[in-house]
C-alpha cells in the first residue's frame, strides 16, 4: 500500500496541473471501488476551480469552495495527469476532465481506493479521528511519551496507530525504529521519553528523505510521472531478513507482529 511519502509525492506531482483549473466533468467507469462513488462528488466539483491539492494522512483532498473530493489510492491505485485523447488502459476507473483539455485519471487494479466527498465545513468520518501529521510541531518525544503511558502493546503497533500519528506504515515504522535504536517488540509504555524523542526525530527525517527520493517502490507504486520511487534502494532493515545490518553486520532479523512482518537488528535495537 502506498504510504505517506508516496501519497505526498503524488500530491506534489498533480497539484501544479490541477490548482486553478476548472473541473468540467467527472466520468466514472467503475463506481464499485472500496465504497461506491457518490453523486455528491460530481455535484461538488463540476464548474468550480480546484483551489489546491492537499494531503491528510494517506488521503488526497481536492479543495474548492463547496468542499473537498477525498481520494485514497488503496493498495495499488495511481493518478496521472493526461491529455484527453490518451487511450484507456485496463483498470482506469475514473477521469476528472479539466478546462485545459487534460484530465486526472485514476487507475486501480484491486479497486481498494476511494473517491468520496466532504462538504465544507464538515470533516468526513474517515478523517475525523486521525492523529497529528508527523511533520506537525506538536509531534515530538513528549507527545509520544504521554500517549504511550500504560500501553503494553509493541511500540511498532503504537507508532502505526493512525490515531497516534498519521501516515507511518509498516515500511517507515521499521526504518524509524531502527534509526532510533528501539526494538519493535518493546512495550510502548516501557520506552523512555528520551528514546521517544529520538523516534519522533527519526520519523520526521526518514519520511522527509523518502519524499525527496520519490517514495518507495514496492510492488505497484509509481510516481505520477511514471517513474519509480528510489527510497527502496536505501532501506536499512525492511525486507532485508538474513542480510547483514548496514551498521554492525549482524543478520537482520524478522518477526511477526500481528499480521505483519517486522524487521530489526538484534544488536542495534533494544
Protein backbone atom coordinates (compact mmCIF):
# COMPACT_ATOMS: atom_id res chain seq x y z
CA UNK A 1 0.00 0.00 0.00
CA UNK A 2 1.36 3.47 -0.82
CA UNK A 3 2.50 5.14 2.38
CA UNK A 4 2.73 8.84 3.26
CA UNK A 5 5.82 9.62 1.12
CA UNK A 6 4.20 8.01 -1.94
CA UNK A 7 0.97 9.94 -1.39
CA UNK A 8 2.86 13.20 -0.84
CA UNK A 9 4.91 12.51 -3.98
CA UNK A 10 1.64 12.06 -5.88
CA UNK A 11 0.25 15.30 -4.41
CA UNK A 12 3.31 17.25 -5.48
CA UNK A 13 3.12 15.71 -8.93
CA UNK A 14 -0.52 16.52 -9.67
CA UNK A 15 -1.12 19.83 -7.85
CA UNK A 16 0.64 22.09 -10.40
CA UNK A 17 -1.65 20.68 -13.10
CA UNK A 18 -4.88 20.95 -11.08
CA UNK A 19 -4.61 24.12 -9.00
CA UNK A 20 -6.70 26.85 -10.62
CA UNK A 21 -8.19 24.54 -13.25
CA UNK A 22 -11.96 24.31 -13.56
CA UNK A 23 -13.48 20.83 -13.44
CA UNK A 24 -15.79 20.29 -16.40
CA UNK A 25 -16.85 16.69 -15.90
CA UNK A 26 -16.38 13.61 -13.75
CA UNK A 27 -16.50 10.41 -15.79
CA UNK A 28 -16.85 7.31 -13.63
CA UNK A 29 -16.44 3.99 -15.45
CA UNK A 30 -16.36 1.78 -12.38
CA UNK A 31 -18.23 3.14 -9.35
CA UNK A 32 -17.60 0.00 -7.29
CA UNK A 33 -14.39 0.93 -5.58
CA UNK A 34 -13.87 0.35 -1.86
CA UNK A 35 -17.10 2.30 -1.47
CA UNK A 36 -19.47 3.38 -4.27
CA UNK A 37 -18.59 6.77 -5.74
CA UNK A 38 -21.39 9.09 -4.55
CA UNK A 39 -23.15 11.55 -6.86
CA UNK A 40 -22.12 14.27 -4.44
CA UNK A 41 -18.56 14.17 -5.85
CA UNK A 42 -19.65 15.37 -9.29
CA UNK A 43 -22.16 17.80 -7.80
CA UNK A 44 -19.44 19.30 -5.64
CA UNK A 45 -16.67 19.52 -8.23
CA UNK A 46 -18.19 20.47 -11.57
CA UNK A 47 -17.86 24.07 -12.81
CA UNK A 48 -15.61 25.14 -9.95
CA UNK A 49 -11.83 25.56 -9.87
CA UNK A 50 -9.62 23.31 -7.81
CA UNK A 51 -8.15 25.68 -5.24
CA UNK A 52 -5.43 23.33 -4.03
CA UNK A 53 -4.50 19.69 -3.59
CA UNK A 54 -3.56 18.81 -0.03
CA UNK A 55 -2.77 15.66 1.88
CA UNK A 56 -4.24 14.46 5.17
CA UNK A 57 -2.62 11.23 6.32
CA UNK A 58 -2.74 8.97 3.24
CA UNK A 59 -5.71 10.80 1.71
CA UNK A 60 -5.56 13.42 -1.02
CA UNK A 61 -8.09 16.25 -0.89
CA UNK A 62 -9.04 18.35 -3.90
CA UNK A 63 -10.41 21.55 -2.35
CA UNK A 64 -12.89 24.04 -3.76
CA UNK A 65 -15.40 26.47 -2.16
CA UNK A 66 -18.03 23.72 -1.82
CA UNK A 67 -15.80 21.22 -0.06
CA UNK A 68 -13.26 18.56 -0.95
CA UNK A 69 -13.07 15.44 -3.06
CA UNK A 70 -11.33 12.76 -1.00
CA UNK A 71 -9.08 10.36 -2.89
CA UNK A 72 -7.38 7.30 -1.43
CA UNK A 73 -5.06 5.21 -3.60
CA UNK A 74 -5.84 1.94 -1.83
CA UNK A 75 -3.26 -0.81 -2.28
CA UNK A 76 -2.50 -0.35 -5.96
CA UNK A 77 -4.07 2.90 -7.15
CA UNK A 78 -2.31 5.65 -9.09
CA UNK A 79 -3.17 9.06 -10.51
CA UNK A 80 -1.94 10.52 -13.80
CA UNK A 81 -2.48 13.90 -15.50
CA UNK A 82 -3.01 13.11 -19.18
CA UNK A 83 -4.28 14.61 -22.43
CA UNK A 84 -7.92 13.74 -23.04
CA UNK A 85 -7.10 11.63 -26.10
CA UNK A 86 -4.75 9.22 -24.27
CA UNK A 87 -6.21 5.71 -24.77
CA UNK A 88 -7.71 3.92 -21.81
CA UNK A 89 -5.89 1.10 -20.06
CA UNK A 90 -7.32 -1.74 -18.04
CA UNK A 91 -8.47 -0.62 -14.58
CA UNK A 92 -8.83 3.08 -15.50
CA UNK A 93 -11.85 3.70 -13.27
CA UNK A 94 -12.49 7.46 -13.38
CA UNK A 95 -11.43 10.68 -15.09
CA UNK A 96 -11.69 14.25 -13.90
CA UNK A 97 -11.88 16.41 -17.04
CA UNK A 98 -10.34 19.87 -16.76
CA UNK A 99 -10.86 23.10 -18.69
CA UNK A 100 -7.41 22.98 -20.35
CA UNK A 101 -8.06 19.78 -22.31
CA UNK A 102 -6.36 17.48 -19.86
CA UNK A 103 -7.67 15.11 -17.24
CA UNK A 104 -6.81 13.44 -13.97
CA UNK A 105 -7.10 9.65 -14.41
CA UNK A 106 -7.33 7.07 -11.64
CA UNK A 107 -6.13 3.51 -12.22
CA UNK A 108 -6.57 0.79 -9.60
CA UNK A 109 -6.31 -2.93 -10.42
CA UNK A 110 -7.55 -4.02 -6.99
CA UNK A 111 -10.25 -1.35 -6.56
CA UNK A 112 -9.41 -0.75 -2.88
CA UNK A 113 -9.16 3.01 -3.33
CA UNK A 114 -11.96 5.52 -2.98
CA UNK A 115 -13.42 8.76 -4.30
CA UNK A 116 -15.69 10.46 -1.76
CA UNK A 117 -16.99 13.95 -0.93
CA UNK A 118 -16.53 16.14 2.12
CA UNK A 119 -18.82 19.20 2.06
CA UNK A 120 -17.47 22.39 3.61
CA UNK A 121 -17.05 22.93 6.52
CA UNK A 122 -17.67 19.32 7.63
CA UNK A 123 -15.00 16.74 8.39
CA UNK A 124 -15.57 13.33 6.83
CA UNK A 125 -15.75 10.40 9.31
CA UNK A 126 -12.66 8.88 7.67
CA UNK A 127 -10.64 11.93 8.71
CA UNK A 128 -12.31 12.85 11.99
CA UNK A 129 -10.33 10.54 14.31
CA UNK A 130 -6.89 10.92 12.78
CA UNK A 131 -3.89 11.90 14.86
CA UNK A 132 -1.40 14.66 14.08
CA UNK A 133 0.76 14.78 10.99
CA UNK A 134 4.35 13.61 11.61
CA UNK A 135 5.68 16.98 10.45
CA UNK A 136 3.48 18.96 12.86
CA UNK A 137 5.39 20.87 15.52
CA UNK A 138 3.37 19.11 18.24
CA UNK A 139 4.57 15.69 17.16
CA UNK A 140 7.62 15.12 19.34
CA UNK A 141 9.01 12.84 22.01
CA UNK A 142 6.92 14.37 24.78
CA UNK A 143 3.72 13.77 22.83
CA UNK A 144 4.62 10.14 22.12
CA UNK A 145 5.69 9.53 25.71
CA UNK A 146 2.41 10.87 27.06
CA UNK A 147 0.29 8.85 24.64
CA UNK A 148 2.27 5.66 25.33
CA UNK A 149 1.72 5.77 29.08
CA UNK A 150 0.42 2.42 30.35
CA UNK A 151 0.44 0.74 26.92
CA UNK A 152 1.72 -2.83 26.90
CA UNK A 153 1.50 -3.47 23.15
CA UNK A 154 4.56 -3.36 20.87
CA UNK A 155 5.93 0.10 20.15
CA UNK A 156 5.74 -0.62 16.43
CA UNK A 157 1.96 -1.10 16.64
CA UNK A 158 1.75 2.11 18.67
CA UNK A 159 3.70 4.04 16.03
CA UNK A 160 1.47 2.70 13.24
CA UNK A 161 -1.77 3.65 15.03
CA UNK A 162 -3.32 6.40 12.88
CA UNK A 163 -4.95 7.90 15.97
CA UNK A 164 -1.45 8.45 17.41
CA UNK A 165 0.26 9.81 14.30
CA UNK A 166 -0.83 9.52 10.68
CA UNK A 167 0.97 8.08 7.71
CA UNK A 168 3.59 5.85 9.37
CA UNK A 169 3.05 2.45 7.79
CA UNK A 170 4.97 -0.79 8.03
CA UNK A 171 8.00 0.22 5.96
CA UNK A 172 8.71 3.54 7.60
CA UNK A 173 7.91 2.33 11.11
CA UNK A 174 10.58 -0.35 10.73
CA UNK A 175 13.11 2.15 9.40
CA UNK A 176 12.37 4.78 12.06
CA UNK A 177 12.65 2.27 14.90
CA UNK A 178 15.98 1.10 13.51
CA UNK A 179 17.32 4.64 13.34
CA UNK A 180 16.15 5.31 16.90
CA UNK A 181 17.64 2.00 18.13
CA UNK A 182 14.34 0.69 19.51
CA UNK A 183 13.30 -2.96 19.31
CA UNK A 184 9.88 -3.06 17.57
CA UNK A 185 8.70 -5.67 20.10
CA UNK A 186 9.32 -3.45 23.14
CA UNK A 187 6.18 -2.39 25.01
CA UNK A 188 5.32 1.20 24.09
CA UNK A 189 4.82 2.07 27.76
CA UNK A 190 8.40 0.99 28.54
CA UNK A 191 10.10 3.38 26.11
CA UNK A 192 11.70 6.40 27.78
CA UNK A 193 10.91 9.98 26.85
CA UNK A 194 14.45 10.46 25.52
CA UNK A 195 14.14 7.46 23.23
CA UNK A 196 10.72 8.65 22.06
CA UNK A 197 12.35 11.96 21.20
CA UNK A 198 14.85 10.07 19.06
CA UNK A 199 11.98 8.15 17.47
CA UNK A 200 9.99 11.28 16.63
CA UNK A 201 13.05 12.83 15.02
CA UNK A 202 13.71 9.60 13.10
CA UNK A 203 10.15 9.54 11.77
CA UNK A 204 10.44 13.12 10.53
CA UNK A 205 13.86 12.57 8.98
CA UNK A 206 13.04 9.30 7.25
CA UNK A 207 9.68 10.42 5.87
CA UNK A 208 11.18 13.70 4.70
CA UNK A 209 14.04 11.95 2.95
CA UNK A 210 11.72 9.39 1.37
CA UNK A 211 9.56 12.20 -0.02
CA UNK A 212 12.59 13.83 -1.59
CA UNK A 213 13.63 10.49 -3.07
CA UNK A 214 10.19 9.97 -4.58
CA UNK A 215 8.87 7.32 -2.21
CA UNK A 216 9.44 3.60 -2.04
CA UNK A 217 8.70 1.32 -4.96
CA UNK A 218 7.30 -1.94 -3.58
CA UNK A 219 5.09 -3.87 -5.99
CA UNK A 220 2.70 -1.35 -7.54
CA UNK A 221 3.71 2.19 -6.65
CA UNK A 222 4.83 4.55 -9.41
CA UNK A 223 5.13 8.31 -9.24
CA UNK A 224 2.72 10.49 -11.26
CA UNK A 225 5.38 10.88 -13.96
CA UNK A 226 5.55 7.10 -14.31
CA UNK A 227 8.99 6.74 -12.74
CA UNK A 228 9.60 4.62 -9.65
CA UNK A 229 10.49 5.99 -6.26
CA UNK A 230 14.06 5.40 -5.17
CA UNK A 231 13.95 5.16 -1.37
CA UNK A 232 13.77 1.35 -1.56
CA UNK A 233 17.45 1.36 -2.50
CA UNK A 234 18.25 2.90 0.90
CA UNK A 235 16.19 0.70 3.23
CA UNK A 236 18.20 -0.32 6.28
CA UNK A 237 16.15 -3.24 7.61
CA UNK A 238 12.77 -3.56 5.89
CA UNK A 239 12.70 -6.61 3.62
CA UNK A 240 16.34 -7.48 4.41
CA UNK A 241 15.90 -10.51 6.68
CA UNK A 242 19.13 -12.51 6.86
CA UNK A 243 21.21 -9.80 5.21
CA UNK A 244 23.91 -8.05 7.25
CA UNK A 245 22.96 -4.93 9.17
CA UNK A 246 24.49 -1.95 7.39
CA UNK A 247 25.75 -0.63 10.75
CA UNK A 248 27.07 -3.64 12.68
CA UNK A 249 26.93 -6.59 10.27
CA UNK A 250 24.55 -8.68 12.39
CA UNK A 251 22.00 -10.53 10.22
CA UNK A 252 18.71 -8.60 10.07
CA UNK A 253 16.01 -10.47 11.97
CA UNK A 254 12.34 -10.87 11.07
CA UNK A 255 9.43 -11.46 13.42
CA UNK A 256 5.66 -11.47 13.00
CA UNK A 257 3.90 -8.76 14.97
CA UNK A 258 0.19 -9.09 14.45
CA UNK A 259 -0.32 -9.82 10.78
CA UNK A 260 2.84 -8.10 9.54
CA UNK A 261 6.50 -8.96 9.27
CA UNK A 262 8.79 -6.74 11.28
CA UNK A 263 12.48 -6.37 10.52
CA UNK A 264 15.11 -5.25 13.02
CA UNK A 265 18.71 -5.67 14.14
CA UNK A 266 19.15 -7.65 17.35
CA UNK A 267 22.33 -5.72 18.19
CA UNK A 268 21.45 -2.16 17.20
CA UNK A 269 17.88 -2.18 18.54
CA UNK A 270 16.88 -2.86 22.14
